[in-house]
Amino acid sequence: MTTQLTATDIRSEGWWAVSVPEVDGLFTQTRSLDEIPAVVRDALTLFPELGIDPSDTEISVETVMPEY
């Protein structure tokens, strides 16, 4: 069964700061938006107690634009 997760990202000092609301404590960062799904899958390996198979996970990316 495929797990659906959302990666929320916001630009922060030259990086994209990424959080996954469905996984408490999963925060990471990347230089480019296209790397987010792979980085999130890699970070999921740090949460084996959740029983989520990173290779069977669909990541939706939501970019948060800062308000000026």
PDB file of N, CA and C in Angstrom:
ATOM      1  N   MET A   1       0.844  -1.181   0.000  1.00  0.00           N
ATOM      2  CA  MET A   1       0.000   0.000   0.000  1.00  0.00           C
ATOM      3  C   MET A   1       0.891   1.246   0.000  1.00  0.00           C
ATOM      4  N   THR A   2       0.662   2.130  -0.927  1.00  0.00           N
ATOM      5  CA  THR A   2       1.445   3.350  -1.051  1.00  0.00           C
ATOM      6  C   THR A   2       1.049   4.351   0.032  1.00  0.00           C
ATOM      7  N   THR A   3       2.054   4.917   0.679  1.00  0.00           N
ATOM      8  CA  THR A   3       1.840   5.962   1.690  1.00  0.00           C
ATOM      9  C   THR A   3       1.905   7.308   1.009  1.00  0.00           C
ATOM     10  N   GLN A   4       0.937   8.173   1.303  1.00  0.00           N
ATOM     11  CA  GLN A   4       0.888   9.531   0.761  1.00  0.00           C
ATOM     12  C   GLN A   4       1.372  10.507   1.828  1.00  0.00           C
ATOM     13  N   LEU A   5       2.387  11.300   1.511  1.00  0.00           N
ATOM     14  CA  LEU A   5       2.900  12.306   2.428  1.00  0.00           C
ATOM     15  C   LEU A   5       3.006  13.650   1.715  1.00  0.00           C
ATOM     16  N   THR A   6       2.984  14.711   2.493  1.00  0.00           N
ATOM     17  CA  THR A   6       3.127  16.057   1.953  1.00  0.00           C
ATOM     18  C   THR A   6       4.407  16.672   2.500  1.00  0.00           C
ATOM     19  N   ALA A   7       5.249  17.157   1.625  1.00  0.00           N
ATOM     20  CA  ALA A   7       6.457  17.874   2.023  1.00  0.00           C
ATOM     21  C   ALA A   7       6.183  19.361   1.821  1.00  0.00           C
ATOM     22  N   THR A   8       6.202  20.099   2.908  1.00  0.00           N
ATOM     23  CA  THR A   8       5.976  21.541   2.857  1.00  0.00           C
ATOM     24  C   THR A   8       7.335  22.227   2.889  1.00  0.00           C
ATOM     25  N   ASP A   9       7.586  23.095   1.938  1.00  0.00           N
ATOM     26  CA  ASP A   9       8.894  23.739   1.873  1.00  0.00           C
ATOM     27  C   ASP A   9       8.768  25.250   1.822  1.00  0.00           C
ATOM     28  N   ILE A  10       9.774  25.901   2.385  1.00  0.00           N
ATOM     29  CA  ILE A  10       9.849  27.356   2.377  1.00  0.00           C
ATOM     30  C   ILE A  10      11.309  27.751   2.193  1.00  0.00           C
ATOM     31  N   ARG A  11      11.540  28.806   1.443  1.00  0.00           N
ATOM     32  CA  ARG A  11      12.906  29.269   1.174  1.00  0.00           C
ATOM     33  C   ARG A  11      13.488  29.885   2.439  1.00  0.00           C
ATOM     34  N   SER A  12      14.727  29.500   2.765  1.00  0.00           N
ATOM     35  CA  SER A  12      15.372  30.005   3.965  1.00  0.00           C
ATOM     36  C   SER A  12      16.874  30.129   3.726  1.00  0.00           C
ATOM     37  N   GLU A  13      17.341  31.347   3.522  1.00  0.00           N
ATOM     38  CA  GLU A  13      18.763  31.641   3.377  1.00  0.00           C
ATOM     39  C   GLU A  13      19.471  30.751   2.353  1.00  0.00           C
ATOM     40  N   GLY A  14      18.933  30.657   1.166  1.00  0.00           N
ATOM     41  CA  GLY A  14      19.562  29.900   0.089  1.00  0.00           C
ATOM     42  C   GLY A  14      19.230  28.424   0.076  1.00  0.00           C
ATOM     43  N   TRP A  15      18.471  27.950   1.028  1.00  0.00           N
ATOM     44  CA  TRP A  15      18.065  26.548   1.126  1.00  0.00           C
ATOM     45  C   TRP A  15      16.550  26.466   1.087  1.00  0.00           C
ATOM     46  N   TRP A  16      16.041  25.264   0.837  1.00  0.00           N
ATOM     47  CA  TRP A  16      14.625  24.986   1.012  1.00  0.00           C
ATOM     48  C   TRP A  16      14.496  24.190   2.308  1.00  0.00           C
ATOM     49  N   ALA A  17      13.828  24.772   3.287  1.00  0.00           N
ATOM     50  CA  ALA A  17      13.562  24.081   4.548  1.00  0.00           C
ATOM     51  C   ALA A  17      12.306  23.246   4.345  1.00  0.00           C
ATOM     52  N   VAL A  18      12.387  21.968   4.668  1.00  0.00           N
ATOM     53  CA  VAL A  18      11.310  21.027   4.357  1.00  0.00           C
ATOM     54  C   VAL A  18      10.807  20.359   5.637  1.00  0.00           C
ATOM     55  N   SER A  19       9.489  20.308   5.779  1.00  0.00           N
ATOM     56  CA  SER A  19       8.882  19.559   6.878  1.00  0.00           C
ATOM     57  C   SER A  19       7.795  18.656   6.305  1.00  0.00           C
ATOM     58  N   VAL A  20       7.502  17.596   7.049  1.00  0.00           N
ATOM     59  CA  VAL A  20       6.456  16.659   6.642  1.00  0.00           C
ATOM     60  C   VAL A  20       5.474  16.578   7.811  1.00  0.00           C
ATOM     61  N   PRO A  21       4.336  17.273   7.711  1.00  0.00           N
ATOM     62  CA  PRO A  21       3.386  17.333   8.827  1.00  0.00           C
ATOM     63  C   PRO A  21       2.900  15.972   9.319  1.00  0.00           C
ATOM     64  N   GLU A  22       2.842  14.991   8.429  1.00  0.00           N
ATOM     65  CA  GLU A  22       2.350  13.668   8.820  1.00  0.00           C
ATOM     66  C   GLU A  22       3.356  12.876   9.662  1.00  0.00           C
ATOM     67  N   VAL A  23       4.620  13.321   9.670  1.00  0.00           N
ATOM     68  CA  VAL A  23       5.662  12.622  10.429  1.00  0.00           C
ATOM     69  C   VAL A  23       6.267  13.610  11.421  1.00  0.00           C
ATOM     70  N   ASP A  24       5.837  13.513  12.661  1.00  0.00           N
ATOM     71  CA  ASP A  24       6.310  14.413  13.707  1.00  0.00           C
ATOM     72  C   ASP A  24       7.828  14.341  13.823  1.00  0.00           C
ATOM     73  N   GLY A  25       8.484  15.473  13.668  1.00  0.00           N
ATOM     74  CA  GLY A  25       9.927  15.534  13.804  1.00  0.00           C
ATOM     75  C   GLY A  25      10.709  15.383  12.520  1.00  0.00           C
ATOM     76  N   LEU A  26      10.037  15.198  11.381  1.00  0.00           N
ATOM     77  CA  LEU A  26      10.769  15.060  10.120  1.00  0.00           C
ATOM     78  C   LEU A  26      10.954  16.444   9.508  1.00  0.00           C
ATOM     79  N   PHE A  27      12.174  16.917   9.617  1.00  0.00           N
ATOM     80  CA  PHE A  27      12.585  18.181   9.030  1.00  0.00           C
ATOM     81  C   PHE A  27      13.886  17.935   8.299  1.00  0.00           C
ATOM     82  N   THR A  28      14.047  18.554   7.133  1.00  0.00           N
ATOM     83  CA  THR A  28      15.275  18.411   6.369  1.00  0.00           C
ATOM     84  C   THR A  28      15.438  19.657   5.513  1.00  0.00           C
ATOM     85  N   GLN A  29      16.463  19.689   4.693  1.00  0.00           N
ATOM     86  CA  GLN A  29      16.664  20.829   3.803  1.00  0.00           C
ATOM     87  C   GLN A  29      17.334  20.369   2.528  1.00  0.00           C
ATOM     88  N   THR A  30      17.205  21.178   1.494  1.00  0.00           N
ATOM     89  CA  THR A  30      17.820  20.871   0.213  1.00  0.00           C
ATOM     90  C   THR A  30      18.067  22.173  -0.540  1.00  0.00           C
ATOM     91  N   ARG A  31      18.942  22.108  -1.500  1.00  0.00           N
ATOM     92  CA  ARG A  31      19.244  23.296  -2.312  1.00  0.00           C
ATOM     93  C   ARG A  31      18.230  23.505  -3.438  1.00  0.00           C
ATOM     94  N   SER A  32      17.624  22.421  -3.930  1.00  0.00           N
ATOM     95  CA  SER A  32      16.694  22.582  -5.059  1.00  0.00           C
ATOM     96  C   SER A  32      15.393  21.815  -4.821  1.00  0.00           C
ATOM     97  N   LEU A  33      14.339  22.351  -5.381  1.00  0.00           N
ATOM     98  CA  LEU A  33      13.009  21.770  -5.198  1.00  0.00           C
ATOM     99  C   LEU A  33      12.894  20.354  -5.758  1.00  0.00           C
ATOM    100  N   ASP A  34      13.565  20.080  -6.853  1.00  0.00           N
ATOM    101  CA  ASP A  34      13.422  18.755  -7.467  1.00  0.00           C
ATOM    102  C   ASP A  34      14.035  17.637  -6.623  1.00  0.00           C
ATOM    103  N   GLU A  35      14.861  17.978  -5.645  1.00  0.00           N
ATOM    104  CA  GLU A  35      15.471  16.985  -4.763  1.00  0.00           C
ATOM    105  C   GLU A  35      14.582  16.594  -3.577  1.00  0.00           C
ATOM    106  N   ILE A  36      13.510  17.339  -3.343  1.00  0.00           N
ATOM    107  CA  ILE A  36      12.708  17.149  -2.132  1.00  0.00           C
ATOM    108  C   ILE A  36      12.180  15.724  -1.972  1.00  0.00           C
ATOM    109  N   PRO A  37      11.542  15.125  -2.955  1.00  0.00           N
ATOM    110  CA  PRO A  37      11.040  13.757  -2.727  1.00  0.00           C
ATOM    111  C   PRO A  37      12.135  12.767  -2.305  1.00  0.00           C
ATOM    112  N   ALA A  38      13.279  12.814  -2.942  1.00  0.00           N
ATOM    113  CA  ALA A  38      14.370  11.891  -2.595  1.00  0.00           C
ATOM    114  C   ALA A  38      14.907  12.167  -1.195  1.00  0.00           C
ATOM    115  N   VAL A  39      15.027  13.434  -0.829  1.00  0.00           N
ATOM    116  CA  VAL A  39      15.537  13.797   0.500  1.00  0.00           C
ATOM    117  C   VAL A  39      14.553  13.364   1.585  1.00  0.00           C
ATOM    118  N   VAL A  40      13.262  13.530   1.323  1.00  0.00           N
ATOM    119  CA  VAL A  40      12.251  13.099   2.292  1.00  0.00           C
ATOM    120  C   VAL A  40      12.270  11.577   2.429  1.00  0.00           C
ATOM    121  N   ARG A  41      12.361  10.868   1.339  1.00  0.00           N
ATOM    122  CA  ARG A  41      12.435   9.395   1.411  1.00  0.00           C
ATOM    123  C   ARG A  41      13.658   8.953   2.220  1.00  0.00           C
ATOM    124  N   ASP A  42      14.785   9.619   2.009  1.00  0.00           N
ATOM    125  CA  ASP A  42      15.986   9.303   2.766  1.00  0.00           C
ATOM    126  C   ASP A  42      15.777   9.587   4.259  1.00  0.00           C
ATOM    127  N   ALA A  43      15.159  10.706   4.590  1.00  0.00           N
ATOM    128  CA  ALA A  43      14.907  11.058   5.990  1.00  0.00           C
ATOM    129  C   ALA A  43      13.945  10.073   6.653  1.00  0.00           C
ATOM    130  N   LEU A  44      13.041   9.505   5.882  1.00  0.00           N
ATOM    131  CA  LEU A  44      12.095   8.522   6.435  1.00  0.00           C
ATOM    132  C   LEU A  44      12.804   7.296   7.012  1.00  0.00           C
ATOM    133  N   THR A  45      13.993   6.996   6.526  1.00  0.00           N
ATOM    134  CA  THR A  45      14.730   5.841   7.055  1.00  0.00           C
ATOM    135  C   THR A  45      15.133   6.051   8.504  1.00  0.00           C
ATOM    136  N   LEU A  46      15.078   7.294   8.987  1.00  0.00           N
ATOM    137  CA  LEU A  46      15.406   7.596  10.383  1.00  0.00           C
ATOM    138  C   LEU A  46      14.233   7.342  11.321  1.00  0.00           C
ATOM    139  N   PHE A  47      13.090   6.945  10.758  1.00  0.00           N
ATOM    140  CA  PHE A  47      11.879   6.702  11.538  1.00  0.00           C
ATOM    141  C   PHE A  47      11.357   5.279  11.298  1.00  0.00           C
ATOM    142  N   PRO A  48      12.171   4.251  11.549  1.00  0.00           N
ATOM    143  CA  PRO A  48      11.744   2.878  11.250  1.00  0.00           C
ATOM    144  C   PRO A  48      10.529   2.438  12.073  1.00  0.00           C
ATOM    145  N   GLU A  49      10.338   3.043  13.228  1.00  0.00           N
ATOM    146  CA  GLU A  49       9.209   2.671  14.085  1.00  0.00           C
ATOM    147  C   GLU A  49       7.853   2.985  13.448  1.00  0.00           C
ATOM    148  N   LEU A  50       7.835   3.836  12.431  1.00  0.00           N
ATOM    149  CA  LEU A  50       6.575   4.179  11.766  1.00  0.00           C
ATOM    150  C   LEU A  50       6.131   3.106  10.779  1.00  0.00           C
ATOM    151  N   GLY A  51       7.047   2.271  10.366  1.00  0.00           N
ATOM    152  CA  GLY A  51       6.705   1.211   9.420  1.00  0.00           C
ATOM    153  C   GLY A  51       6.383   1.726   8.025  1.00  0.00           C
ATOM    154  N   ILE A  52       6.893   2.895   7.663  1.00  0.00           N
ATOM    155  CA  ILE A  52       6.670   3.463   6.329  1.00  0.00           C
ATOM    156  C   ILE A  52       7.804   3.028   5.419  1.00  0.00           C
ATOM    157  N   ASP A  53       7.457   2.407   4.296  1.00  0.00           N
ATOM    158  CA  ASP A  53       8.446   1.985   3.314  1.00  0.00           C
ATOM    159  C   ASP A  53       8.749   3.176   2.394  1.00  0.00           C
ATOM    160  N   PRO A  54       9.933   3.794   2.526  1.00  0.00           N
ATOM    161  CA  PRO A  54      10.249   4.966   1.702  1.00  0.00           C
ATOM    162  C   PRO A  54      10.113   4.710   0.207  1.00  0.00           C
ATOM    163  N   SER A  55      10.392   3.488  -0.242  1.00  0.00           N
ATOM    164  CA  SER A  55      10.314   3.193  -1.677  1.00  0.00           C
ATOM    165  C   SER A  55       8.871   3.083  -2.172  1.00  0.00           C
ATOM    166  N   ASP A  56       7.935   2.976  -1.245  1.00  0.00           N
ATOM    167  CA  ASP A  56       6.516   2.893  -1.598  1.00  0.00           C
ATOM    168  C   ASP A  56       5.761   4.100  -1.038  1.00  0.00           C
ATOM    169  N   THR A  57       6.392   5.269  -1.159  1.00  0.00           N
ATOM    170  CA  THR A  57       5.819   6.503  -0.627  1.00  0.00           C
ATOM    171  C   THR A  57       5.701   7.536  -1.730  1.00  0.00           C
ATOM    172  N   GLU A  58       4.535   8.136  -1.848  1.00  0.00           N
ATOM    173  CA  GLU A  58       4.317   9.221  -2.802  1.00  0.00           C
ATOM    174  C   GLU A  58       4.401  10.539  -2.044  1.00  0.00           C
ATOM    175  N   ILE A  59       5.267  11.431  -2.515  1.00  0.00           N
ATOM    176  CA  ILE A  59       5.505  12.712  -1.853  1.00  0.00           C
ATOM    177  C   ILE A  59       4.908  13.836  -2.688  1.00  0.00           C
ATOM    178  N   SER A  60       3.960  14.564  -2.102  1.00  0.00           N
ATOM    179  CA  SER A  60       3.429  15.776  -2.729  1.00  0.00           C
ATOM    180  C   SER A  60       4.206  16.955  -2.159  1.00  0.00           C
ATOM    181  N   VAL A  61       4.630  17.859  -3.006  1.00  0.00           N
ATOM    182  CA  VAL A  61       5.424  19.003  -2.563  1.00  0.00           C
ATOM    183  C   VAL A  61       4.553  20.263  -2.587  1.00  0.00           C
ATOM    184  N   GLU A  62       4.507  20.946  -1.438  1.00  0.00           N
ATOM    185  CA  GLU A  62       3.774  22.216  -1.323  1.00  0.00           C
ATOM    186  C   GLU A  62       4.760  23.311  -0.957  1.00  0.00           C
ATOM    187  N   THR A  63       4.892  24.292  -1.824  1.00  0.00           N
ATOM    188  CA  THR A  63       5.795  25.401  -1.572  1.00  0.00           C
ATOM    189  C   THR A  63       5.040  26.543  -0.910  1.00  0.00           C
ATOM    190  N   VAL A  64       5.587  27.034   0.193  1.00  0.00           N
ATOM    191  CA  VAL A  64       5.004  28.153   0.923  1.00  0.00           C
ATOM    192  C   VAL A  64       5.755  29.405   0.498  1.00  0.00           C
ATOM    193  N   MET A  65       5.038  30.355  -0.042  1.00  0.00           N
ATOM    194  CA  MET A  65       5.661  31.615  -0.453  1.00  0.00           C
ATOM    195  C   MET A  65       5.562  32.619   0.687  1.00  0.00           C
ATOM    196  N   PRO A  66       6.686  33.231   1.049  1.00  0.00           N
ATOM    197  CA  PRO A  66       6.650  34.209   2.141  1.00  0.00           C
ATOM    198  C   PRO A  66       5.848  35.454   1.759  1.00  0.00           C
ATOM    199  N   GLU A  67       5.213  36.009   2.757  1.00  0.00           N
ATOM    200  CA  GLU A  67       4.457  37.247   2.521  1.00  0.00           C
ATOM    201  C   GLU A  67       5.378  38.429   2.764  1.00  0.00           C
ATOM    202  N   TYR A  68       5.313  39.393   1.856  1.00  0.00           N
ATOM    203  CA  TYR A  68       6.154  40.591   2.004  1.00  0.00           C
ATOM    204  C   TYR A  68       5.300  41.775   2.319  1.00  0.00           C
TER     205      TYR A  68
END
